Protein backbone atom coordinates (compact mmCIF):
# COMPACT_ATOMS: atom_id res chain seq x y z
CA VAL A 1 -46.27 -23.21 -9.30
CA SER A 2 -44.22 -26.34 -7.25
CA VAL A 3 -45.92 -28.97 -5.73
CA GLY A 4 -44.86 -31.14 -2.71
CA GLY A 5 -43.59 -35.14 -3.37
CA THR A 6 -44.20 -36.37 0.43
CA CYS A 7 -47.29 -35.39 2.70
CA SER A 8 -45.07 -32.98 5.02
CA GLN A 9 -44.49 -31.25 1.42
CA ALA A 10 -48.31 -30.70 0.46
CA SER A 11 -48.87 -27.78 -1.79
CA PRO A 12 -51.93 -25.28 -0.39
CA VAL A 13 -54.81 -24.91 -3.09
CA CYS A 14 -57.55 -22.71 -3.60
CA PHE A 15 -60.36 -23.72 -6.21
CA ALA A 16 -60.94 -20.10 -6.94
CA THR A 17 -57.61 -19.38 -8.57
CA GLY A 18 -56.17 -20.38 -12.07
CA TYR A 19 -53.29 -21.85 -10.71
CA THR A 20 -52.33 -25.41 -12.51
CA TYR A 21 -49.66 -28.00 -11.13
CA PRO A 22 -47.19 -30.05 -12.45
CA VAL A 23 -47.89 -33.84 -11.85
CA ALA A 24 -45.64 -35.69 -10.31
CA THR A 25 -43.39 -37.79 -12.89
CA SER A 26 -41.23 -39.89 -9.61
CA GLY A 27 -41.02 -41.02 -6.28
CA SER A 28 -43.23 -43.37 -4.68
CA ALA A 29 -46.11 -42.77 -2.13
CA GLU A 30 -44.87 -42.74 1.75
CA THR A 31 -45.71 -45.99 4.28
CA GLY A 32 -48.17 -44.75 6.98
CA PRO A 33 -51.46 -43.24 4.97
CA ASP A 34 -54.49 -45.33 4.71
CA TYR A 35 -54.74 -44.92 0.80
CA GLY A 36 -58.18 -46.41 0.67
CA CYS A 37 -58.98 -47.87 -3.10
CA VAL A 38 -56.03 -46.86 -4.67
CA ASN A 39 -53.79 -49.64 -5.70
CA SER A 40 -50.84 -47.72 -6.92
CA SER A 41 -48.01 -45.61 -5.32
CA ASN A 42 -46.44 -44.68 -8.06
CA ASN A 43 -45.90 -40.62 -8.50
CA PRO A 44 -47.52 -38.92 -5.65
CA ALA A 45 -48.39 -35.50 -5.52
CA TRP A 46 -49.87 -33.59 -2.35
CA PHE A 47 -51.96 -31.04 -1.39
CA TYR A 48 -53.99 -29.43 1.22
CA ILE A 49 -57.15 -27.26 1.28
CA GLN A 50 -58.80 -25.05 4.09
CA ILE A 51 -62.50 -24.00 3.83
CA GLN A 52 -63.33 -20.26 3.75
CA ASP A 53 -67.35 -20.73 3.82
CA SER A 54 -69.27 -23.62 5.08
CA GLY A 55 -71.06 -25.88 2.60
CA THR A 56 -71.37 -28.76 0.18
CA ILE A 57 -67.76 -28.34 -2.24
CA THR A 58 -67.17 -30.47 -5.55
CA TYR A 59 -64.36 -29.92 -8.09
CA THR A 60 -63.13 -31.43 -10.67
CA ILE A 61 -59.19 -32.95 -10.74
CA SER A 62 -58.20 -32.89 -14.93
CA THR A 63 -55.20 -32.74 -16.49
CA SER A 64 -53.68 -31.27 -19.64
CA PRO A 65 -52.73 -33.32 -21.68
CA SER A 66 -55.35 -35.75 -20.50
CA LYS A 67 -53.69 -38.39 -18.45
CA SER A 68 -54.72 -41.46 -15.93
CA ILE A 69 -54.71 -40.39 -12.29
CA ARG A 70 -55.74 -42.07 -8.99
CA PHE A 71 -56.88 -39.68 -6.00
CA VAL A 72 -57.32 -39.79 -2.01
CA LEU A 73 -58.76 -37.45 -0.08
CA TRP A 74 -58.76 -37.32 3.89
CA GLY A 75 -60.11 -35.01 6.55
CA PRO A 76 -61.32 -33.23 7.96
CA PHE A 77 -58.57 -31.70 10.63
CA THR A 78 -58.08 -28.37 12.34
CA THR A 79 -54.36 -27.87 11.06
CA PRO A 80 -52.88 -27.87 8.15
CA SER A 81 -50.19 -30.55 8.82
CA ASN A 82 -51.43 -34.01 9.36
CA CYS A 83 -49.73 -37.05 7.57
CA GLY A 84 -48.52 -40.77 8.51
CA ALA A 85 -51.10 -42.14 10.88
CA SER A 86 -53.46 -39.37 10.69
CA LEU A 87 -54.70 -40.36 7.18
CA SER A 88 -56.58 -42.68 8.44
CA ALA A 89 -59.50 -45.04 6.79
CA ALA A 90 -62.00 -43.25 9.02
CA LYS A 91 -60.47 -40.09 7.82
CA ILE A 92 -61.07 -40.65 4.01
CA ILE A 93 -63.99 -38.41 2.43
CA ASP A 94 -63.26 -39.41 -1.26
CA CYS A 95 -61.37 -41.48 -3.42
CA ALA A 96 -61.11 -42.60 -6.66
CA ASN A 97 -58.87 -45.32 -8.53
CA ASN A 98 -60.67 -45.98 -12.03
CA PRO A 99 -58.77 -45.02 -14.91
CA GLY A 100 -59.53 -41.28 -16.16
CA SER A 101 -58.16 -37.90 -16.25
CA GLY A 102 -61.47 -35.75 -15.36
CA LYS A 103 -61.99 -36.81 -11.86
CA SER A 104 -64.53 -35.24 -9.59
CA VAL A 105 -64.76 -34.54 -5.61
CA THR A 106 -67.32 -34.02 -3.17
CA ILE A 107 -66.83 -32.45 0.26
CA ASN A 108 -70.40 -32.79 1.98
CA ASN A 109 -70.58 -29.82 4.95
CA ALA A 110 -67.73 -28.72 5.36
CA LYS A 111 -66.90 -26.07 7.66
CA THR A 112 -65.23 -22.92 7.85
CA GLY A 113 -61.62 -22.89 8.89
CA GLU A 114 -61.26 -27.23 8.20
CA TYR A 115 -58.63 -28.54 6.35
CA TYR A 116 -58.56 -31.52 3.85
CA VAL A 117 -55.22 -33.29 2.40
CA PHE A 118 -55.42 -35.03 -0.54
CA VAL A 119 -53.01 -36.92 -2.55
CA ILE A 120 -52.56 -37.80 -6.90
CA LEU A 121 -51.36 -40.07 -8.40
CA ASN A 122 -49.83 -40.55 -11.53
CA PRO A 123 -49.31 -44.61 -12.19
CA SER A 124 -48.21 -43.81 -16.02
CA GLY A 125 -45.17 -40.77 -14.95
CA ASN A 126 -45.77 -39.07 -17.73
CA SER A 127 -45.68 -35.21 -17.46
CA SER A 128 -49.19 -33.47 -17.59
CA ASP A 129 -50.22 -30.49 -15.77
CA LEU A 130 -52.95 -30.66 -12.88
CA SER A 131 -55.93 -27.83 -13.04
CA PHE A 132 -58.57 -27.90 -10.02
CA THR A 133 -62.20 -26.44 -11.17
CA GLN A 134 -64.98 -25.75 -8.45
CA ASN A 135 -68.18 -26.64 -9.47
CA SER A 136 -70.78 -25.49 -6.68
CA PRO A 137 -70.91 -21.99 -5.03
CA SER A 138 -72.09 -23.47 -2.03
CA GLY A 139 -68.90 -23.51 -0.03
CA SER A 140 -65.32 -22.23 -0.64
CA THR A 141 -61.68 -22.67 0.07
CA ASN A 142 -59.33 -19.98 1.47
CA CYS A 143 -57.17 -18.51 -0.68
CA ASP A 144 -54.79 -16.71 2.30
CA ILE A 145 -52.88 -20.49 2.75
CA LEU A 146 -51.84 -19.93 -0.42
CA CYS A 147 -49.33 -17.87 1.22
CA SER A 148 -47.66 -19.65 4.51
CA MET A 149 -45.26 -16.87 5.21
CA THR A 150 -46.77 -15.69 9.20
CA GLY A 151 -44.47 -12.64 10.13
CA ILE A 152 -41.69 -9.88 9.03
CA THR A 153 -39.03 -8.00 11.27
CA ALA A 154 -36.72 -5.53 10.35
CA THR A 155 -34.54 -3.22 11.97
CA ALA A 156 -32.37 -0.59 10.70
CA GLY A 157 -28.61 -0.89 11.73
CA SER A 158 -26.63 2.55 11.83
CA CYS A 159 -25.33 4.56 9.19
CA SER A 160 -21.77 3.98 7.81
CA GLY A 161 -20.49 5.54 4.27
CA GLY A 162 -23.99 6.90 3.68
CA ASP A 163 -25.27 2.94 3.93
CA TYR A 164 -26.86 0.70 6.56
CA ILE A 165 -27.96 -2.96 7.18
CA VAL A 166 -31.18 -4.04 7.48
CA THR A 167 -32.08 -7.38 9.74
CA GLY A 168 -34.62 -9.41 10.70
CA THR A 169 -36.28 -12.04 10.85
CA LEU A 170 -39.13 -13.70 7.84
CA THR A 171 -41.68 -16.79 9.66
CA THR A 172 -43.12 -19.33 7.31
CA PHE A 173 -45.23 -22.35 8.53
CA LEU A 174 -44.66 -24.29 5.39
CA PRO A 175 -41.29 -22.81 3.37
CA PRO A 176 -41.66 -24.33 -0.51
CA GLY A 177 -38.88 -26.84 -1.54
CA GLY A 178 -37.18 -25.07 -3.99
CA GLY A 179 -36.68 -21.62 -5.53
CA THR A 180 -35.35 -18.64 -4.28
CA LEU A 181 -36.46 -15.57 -1.65
CA THR A 182 -35.87 -12.28 -2.44
CA VAL A 183 -35.97 -9.50 0.26
CA SER A 184 -35.87 -5.78 -1.18
CA SER A 185 -36.14 -2.52 0.18
CA SER A 186 -38.11 0.11 -1.49
CA CYS A 187 -35.60 2.79 -0.32
CA GLY A 188 -32.78 0.62 -2.69
CA ASN A 189 -31.23 -3.04 -2.65
CA SER A 190 -32.02 -6.68 -2.82
CA VAL A 191 -30.87 -9.74 -1.68
CA VAL A 192 -31.34 -13.02 -2.94
CA TYR A 193 -31.78 -16.86 -0.82
CA THR A 194 -31.97 -20.12 -2.53
CA ALA A 195 -33.97 -22.82 -0.84
CA PRO A 196 -33.89 -25.13 1.18
CA PHE A 197 -35.62 -22.95 3.06
CA SER A 198 -36.32 -23.57 7.23
CA THR A 199 -39.39 -22.07 8.66
CA SER A 200 -37.48 -19.18 10.10
CA LYS A 201 -35.00 -17.02 7.97
CA SER A 202 -32.72 -14.56 8.95
CA TYR A 203 -31.95 -11.97 6.38
CA ALA A 204 -29.45 -9.10 6.39
CA LEU A 205 -30.08 -6.70 3.80
CA PRO A 206 -27.82 -3.46 2.60
CA ALA A 207 -29.86 -0.84 2.28
CA ILE A 208 -29.43 2.39 0.57
CA GLY A 209 -28.70 6.27 2.05
CA GLY A 210 -29.87 7.33 5.50
CA MET A 211 -32.17 10.13 5.18
CA GLY A 212 -35.10 9.51 7.57
CA ASP A 213 -37.07 7.99 5.20
CA THR A 214 -39.72 5.33 5.67
CA CYS A 215 -38.40 2.61 3.49
CA THR A 216 -40.71 -0.90 3.02
CA ILE A 217 -39.18 -4.27 3.26
CA THR A 218 -40.53 -6.85 1.20
CA ALA A 219 -40.28 -10.77 1.14
CA VAL A 220 -41.33 -12.65 -1.59
CA TYR A 221 -40.91 -16.59 -2.95
CA SER A 222 -40.41 -17.33 -6.30
CA ASN A 223 -42.44 -20.25 -6.52
CA ASN A 224 -44.92 -18.59 -5.67
CA VAL A 225 -45.45 -14.71 -6.28
CA TYR A 226 -48.43 -14.14 -5.20
CA CYS A 227 -46.98 -14.35 -1.37
CA ASN A 228 -45.24 -12.47 -0.15
CA LYS A 229 -45.08 -10.37 3.25
CA SER A 230 -43.96 -6.22 3.87
CA THR A 231 -43.24 -4.32 6.73
CA THR A 232 -41.51 -0.88 7.13
CA VAL A 233 -38.40 0.92 9.06
CA ILE A 234 -37.37 3.91 9.47
CA ALA A 235 -33.80 5.00 7.80
CA PRO A 236 -30.75 6.04 10.50
CA SER A 237 -31.35 9.91 10.61
CA CYS A 238 -27.47 10.54 10.76
CA CYS A 239 -27.47 12.32 7.00
CA SER A 240 -30.64 14.28 7.79
CA ILE A 241 -31.16 18.25 6.94
CA SER A 242 -34.67 20.81 7.73
CA THR A 243 -34.61 23.93 6.90
CA PRO A 244 -37.86 26.61 7.48
CA SER A 245 -39.39 26.75 4.32
CA THR A 246 -39.84 30.52 4.51
CA ALA A 247 -38.21 33.27 5.94
CA THR A 248 -38.53 36.94 5.59
CA VAL A 249 -36.62 40.26 6.73
CA CYS A 250 -36.24 44.14 5.75
CA ALA A 251 -33.57 45.53 3.17
CA GLY A 252 -31.01 46.71 5.00
CA GLN A 253 -30.78 44.24 7.72
CA THR A 254 -29.35 40.53 8.34
CA LEU A 255 -30.62 37.83 6.80
CA SER A 256 -30.49 34.74 9.05
CA LEU A 257 -30.08 31.62 7.66
CA THR A 258 -30.47 27.93 8.90
CA ALA A 259 -30.41 24.28 8.77
CA THR A 260 -31.12 21.78 11.43
CA GLY A 261 -28.84 18.88 11.25
CA THR A 262 -25.57 17.14 12.18
CA SER A 263 -23.29 19.79 13.15
CA ALA A 264 -20.09 17.74 11.92
CA ALA A 265 -21.26 17.25 8.17
CA SER A 266 -20.53 19.45 5.59
CA TYR A 267 -22.87 22.08 4.17
CA GLN A 268 -23.24 23.75 0.48
CA TRP A 269 -26.07 26.87 0.47
CA SER A 270 -27.02 28.75 -2.69
CA GLY A 271 -29.18 31.53 -3.34
CA PRO A 272 -29.83 34.73 -5.23
CA ASN A 273 -27.12 37.09 -6.20
CA SER A 274 -24.75 34.88 -6.66
CA PHE A 275 -24.74 33.15 -2.91
CA THR A 276 -22.68 30.49 -1.90
CA SER A 277 -21.85 29.52 2.04
CA THR A 278 -20.40 26.42 3.71
CA GLN A 279 -21.40 27.35 6.91
CA GLN A 280 -24.93 25.58 8.82
CA ASN A 281 -26.04 28.72 9.76
CA PRO A 282 -24.99 31.60 7.59
CA THR A 283 -25.85 35.34 7.75
CA LEU A 284 -25.77 38.03 5.15
CA SER A 285 -25.91 41.78 6.23
CA GLU A 286 -26.98 44.42 4.34
CA THR A 287 -29.91 42.70 2.63
CA THR A 288 -31.38 44.06 -0.61
CA ASN A 289 -34.27 42.93 -3.40
CA ALA A 290 -31.57 41.34 -5.08
CA ASN A 291 -31.20 38.80 -2.37
CA ALA A 292 -35.01 37.58 -2.70
CA GLY A 293 -35.60 34.17 -4.04
CA ILE A 294 -34.46 30.68 -2.84
CA TYR A 295 -31.98 29.36 -1.12
CA ASN A 296 -31.00 25.83 -1.00
CA VAL A 297 -29.04 23.83 1.76
CA TYR A 298 -27.47 20.44 1.28
CA LEU A 299 -25.16 17.92 4.01
CA THR A 300 -22.30 15.48 3.57
CA LEU A 301 -21.57 12.71 6.14
CA ASP A 302 -19.57 10.11 5.38
CA GLY A 303 -20.67 10.02 1.71
CA CYS A 304 -23.92 10.39 2.36
CA THR A 305 -25.45 13.77 0.39
CA THR A 306 -28.98 14.30 1.42
CA PRO A 307 -31.64 15.89 -0.92
CA SER A 308 -31.61 19.80 -1.42
CA LYS A 309 -33.99 21.75 1.15
CA SER A 310 -35.35 25.07 0.15
CA VAL A 311 -35.91 28.44 1.78
CA THR A 312 -37.94 31.07 0.45
CA VAL A 313 -36.76 33.91 1.27
CA THR A 314 -38.33 37.86 0.83
CA VAL A 315 -37.09 41.00 1.52
CA LYS A 316 -39.30 43.81 2.82
CA ALA A 317 -38.73 47.59 1.69
CA LYS A 318 -37.56 49.68 4.32
CA PRO A 319 -40.06 51.60 6.02
CA ILE A 320 -39.89 55.66 4.44
CA ALA A 321 -39.83 57.93 7.27
CA LYS A 322 -42.61 60.45 6.98
CA SER A 323 -41.59 64.07 8.51
CA ILE A 324 -44.14 65.55 10.79
CA SER A 325 -44.81 69.79 10.54
CA HIS A 326 -45.56 71.70 13.72
CA ARG A 327 -47.89 74.15 13.11
């Protein structure tokens, strides 16, 4: 999981997860915020949390391997975007400048929906991993903010050569600063975009087939695989086919087979007794028991071939005429 090197790139944190974050090993704390007791500005990593359940929250910041860190915590705020002068001395909740790798942090009387921003400084500049452990159960943080995607749209274009294009827009209020974005379809194909990302990202996904299926379009960032968004789209029906599931005919009569689909398509029927036909709606005269069974049909249009549809045909025996005697 990545970390933000500036306040505007702050990473969301949920204390209920088992995430670890790398400490920052470059950069200097930006001007604007009041850093309170902290006298080192080296190697900042910015984070924010949102309160899920009201109460007192106590958590520990630790590093592995053990490194000396500093931190400042500001809040509460009504939105996640709070930087510069918004991080004033009056908003400092907790602050630690003493050496050591384990820091205990307390937020008293936290309210549902509130946001808190904090920065962790790594004076040594050496690599290490950060972890956050909540110690008190009276309040909790919101894990939904780990995914800052707010919406995804998807629109299917028209069929061409059996394929089509899905276009749409992904919105993310705090997109990650690196990695990739993958948009994929459950019906086939995917497209990958690389950082940098904007809050509104348009995509175009070449999709496979056009059979009227419901396809799920999913977007996911590589820097947070738990952050994904999905929607559905109906594949264009220019390459679809339907038939009745059953048909019944009396022996000696004409069997009529029907398929619903584009008239310009090529049709291929097959069935019992070596039956084949390329007509959309073929007929069979003078049926016998040998014509009973399963008939399959598919169509091809612009390089798109549908799955087969089947019709189960029953041939009933011709009624036997009874003689009537007169007395």
